[in-house]
């Protein structure tokens, strides 16, 4: 149902912009012949390429997760815009792209500026990323 709205080639390119950026950076760094200057440049070059390609693969492999998140956000906000449902997605660049797509499909693209206030400051995001995370598992049974 809602997944058809995200499964177009243009949306795939838009939502995976950062994956393509990492891919091109990794390939671009790999093409530079630094080994001709010194073989010691080869080790950091290979490490940077691996980091870029690993991030690229990670973003590309989250496509099914993005489709699921798209349908969840669309379902939660089709009767009225609920800014609290977007707060988790506003913390990462890829999530903000997903929010833009959902808002465009809902016809309320102008409310993106208001949702930008849900974004945490960089220092707070780094601090949260370095602290221990608590995992909470919620099990729903039928009839609840």
Protein backbone atom coordinates (compact mmCIF):
# COMPACT_ATOMS: atom_id res chain seq x y z
CA UNK A 1 0.00 0.00 0.00
CA UNK A 2 2.13 2.86 1.31
CA UNK A 3 5.35 1.15 0.24
CA UNK A 4 4.57 1.83 -3.42
CA UNK A 5 5.14 5.55 -2.80
CA UNK A 6 8.74 4.99 -1.77
CA UNK A 7 9.69 2.29 -4.27
CA UNK A 8 10.56 4.50 -7.19
CA UNK A 9 14.01 5.02 -8.65
CA UNK A 10 14.03 8.73 -7.84
CA UNK A 11 13.15 8.09 -4.20
CA UNK A 12 15.83 5.39 -3.99
CA UNK A 13 18.44 7.85 -5.24
CA UNK A 14 17.22 10.61 -2.90
CA UNK A 15 17.05 8.47 0.25
CA UNK A 16 20.44 6.87 -0.43
CA UNK A 17 22.22 10.14 -1.27
CA UNK A 18 24.72 9.70 1.56
CA UNK A 19 25.49 6.13 0.48
CA UNK A 20 26.30 7.33 -3.03
CA UNK A 21 28.39 10.15 -1.57
CA UNK A 22 30.43 7.67 0.49
CA UNK A 23 30.77 5.37 -2.52
CA UNK A 24 32.12 8.14 -4.74
CA UNK A 25 34.47 9.35 -1.99
CA UNK A 26 35.81 5.83 -1.46
CA UNK A 27 36.35 5.25 -5.17
CA UNK A 28 37.84 8.73 -5.60
CA UNK A 29 40.32 8.18 -2.80
CA UNK A 30 41.16 4.75 -4.20
CA UNK A 31 41.96 6.16 -7.64
CA UNK A 32 44.59 8.58 -6.32
CA UNK A 33 48.02 6.93 -6.83
CA UNK A 34 49.53 7.78 -3.44
CA UNK A 35 51.72 4.65 -3.51
CA UNK A 36 53.94 6.38 -6.06
CA UNK A 37 54.98 8.95 -3.45
CA UNK A 38 55.53 6.46 -0.66
CA UNK A 39 54.25 3.01 0.21
CA UNK A 40 53.42 4.33 3.69
CA UNK A 41 50.55 6.32 2.19
CA UNK A 42 48.96 3.09 1.00
CA UNK A 43 47.91 1.92 4.48
CA UNK A 44 45.88 5.03 5.44
CA UNK A 45 44.44 5.16 1.94
CA UNK A 46 43.18 1.58 2.22
CA UNK A 47 41.75 2.27 5.70
CA UNK A 48 39.84 5.32 4.46
CA UNK A 49 38.50 3.35 1.50
CA UNK A 50 37.32 0.53 3.79
CA UNK A 51 35.58 2.98 6.15
CA UNK A 52 33.82 4.73 3.25
CA UNK A 53 32.70 1.50 1.59
CA UNK A 54 31.59 -0.01 4.90
CA UNK A 55 29.37 3.03 5.58
CA UNK A 56 28.06 2.88 2.03
CA UNK A 57 27.10 -0.78 2.34
CA UNK A 58 25.49 -0.14 5.71
CA UNK A 59 23.27 2.63 4.30
CA UNK A 60 22.33 0.63 1.20
CA UNK A 61 21.43 -2.41 3.32
CA UNK A 62 18.95 -0.37 5.37
CA UNK A 63 16.59 0.07 2.42
CA UNK A 64 13.96 -2.37 3.77
CA UNK A 65 14.13 -0.61 7.14
CA UNK A 66 13.56 2.74 5.40
CA UNK A 67 10.51 1.36 3.59
CA UNK A 68 9.07 0.11 6.87
CA UNK A 69 9.76 3.43 8.62
CA UNK A 70 8.16 5.29 5.71
CA UNK A 71 4.93 3.31 6.01
CA UNK A 72 4.90 3.72 9.82
CA UNK A 73 5.39 7.49 9.62
CA UNK A 74 2.80 7.81 6.88
CA UNK A 75 0.26 5.81 8.89
CA UNK A 76 0.89 7.77 12.10
CA UNK A 77 0.53 11.15 10.43
CA UNK A 78 -2.15 10.68 7.77
CA UNK A 79 -4.96 12.07 9.96
CA UNK A 80 -2.92 14.94 11.34
CA UNK A 81 0.70 15.88 11.73
CA UNK A 82 2.20 14.55 14.97
CA UNK A 83 5.65 16.15 15.40
CA UNK A 84 6.62 13.74 18.19
CA UNK A 85 6.59 10.83 15.73
CA UNK A 86 9.37 12.50 13.71
CA UNK A 87 11.74 13.25 16.61
CA UNK A 88 13.87 10.08 16.29
CA UNK A 89 14.26 10.53 12.55
CA UNK A 90 15.41 14.15 12.82
CA UNK A 91 18.63 13.12 14.60
CA UNK A 92 20.41 11.60 11.57
CA UNK A 93 20.89 12.93 8.02
CA UNK A 94 19.32 9.86 6.41
CA UNK A 95 16.34 10.14 8.75
CA UNK A 96 15.85 13.78 7.80
CA UNK A 97 15.69 12.74 4.13
CA UNK A 98 13.01 10.21 5.05
CA UNK A 99 11.08 12.90 6.93
CA UNK A 100 11.19 15.11 3.82
CA UNK A 101 9.76 12.32 1.67
CA UNK A 102 6.96 11.57 4.16
CA UNK A 103 6.06 15.25 4.52
CA UNK A 104 5.96 15.65 0.75
CA UNK A 105 3.59 12.70 0.44
CA UNK A 106 1.41 14.09 3.23
CA UNK A 107 1.32 17.47 1.51
CA UNK A 108 2.75 19.37 4.46
CA UNK A 109 6.30 20.03 3.33
CA UNK A 110 6.13 23.52 4.83
CA UNK A 111 6.12 22.08 8.36
CA UNK A 112 9.71 20.80 7.98
CA UNK A 113 11.09 24.04 9.44
CA UNK A 114 9.10 23.46 12.62
CA UNK A 115 10.36 19.88 12.82
CA UNK A 116 13.97 21.08 12.64
CA UNK A 117 13.59 22.25 16.23
CA UNK A 118 13.34 18.57 17.28
CA UNK A 119 16.94 18.05 16.23
CA UNK A 120 19.31 17.74 19.19
CA UNK A 121 22.52 19.79 19.25
CA UNK A 122 25.67 18.03 18.03
CA UNK A 123 27.30 17.89 21.49
CA UNK A 124 24.23 16.23 22.96
CA UNK A 125 24.05 13.67 20.13
CA UNK A 126 27.73 12.81 20.59
CA UNK A 127 27.25 12.48 24.35
CA UNK A 128 24.21 10.22 23.85
CA UNK A 129 26.11 8.14 21.31
CA UNK A 130 29.00 7.54 23.72
CA UNK A 131 26.86 6.52 26.69
CA UNK A 132 25.45 3.08 27.34
CA UNK A 133 22.12 2.38 25.71
CA UNK A 134 19.28 0.55 27.38
CA UNK A 135 17.38 -1.96 25.27
CA UNK A 136 13.67 -2.25 25.91
CA UNK A 137 11.68 -5.08 24.35
CA UNK A 138 7.92 -4.73 24.21
CA UNK A 139 5.83 -7.77 23.35
CA UNK A 140 2.25 -7.21 22.28
CA UNK A 141 -0.26 -10.02 22.29
CA UNK A 142 -3.46 -10.08 20.32
CA UNK A 143 -6.30 -8.25 21.97
CA UNK A 144 -4.22 -5.51 23.60
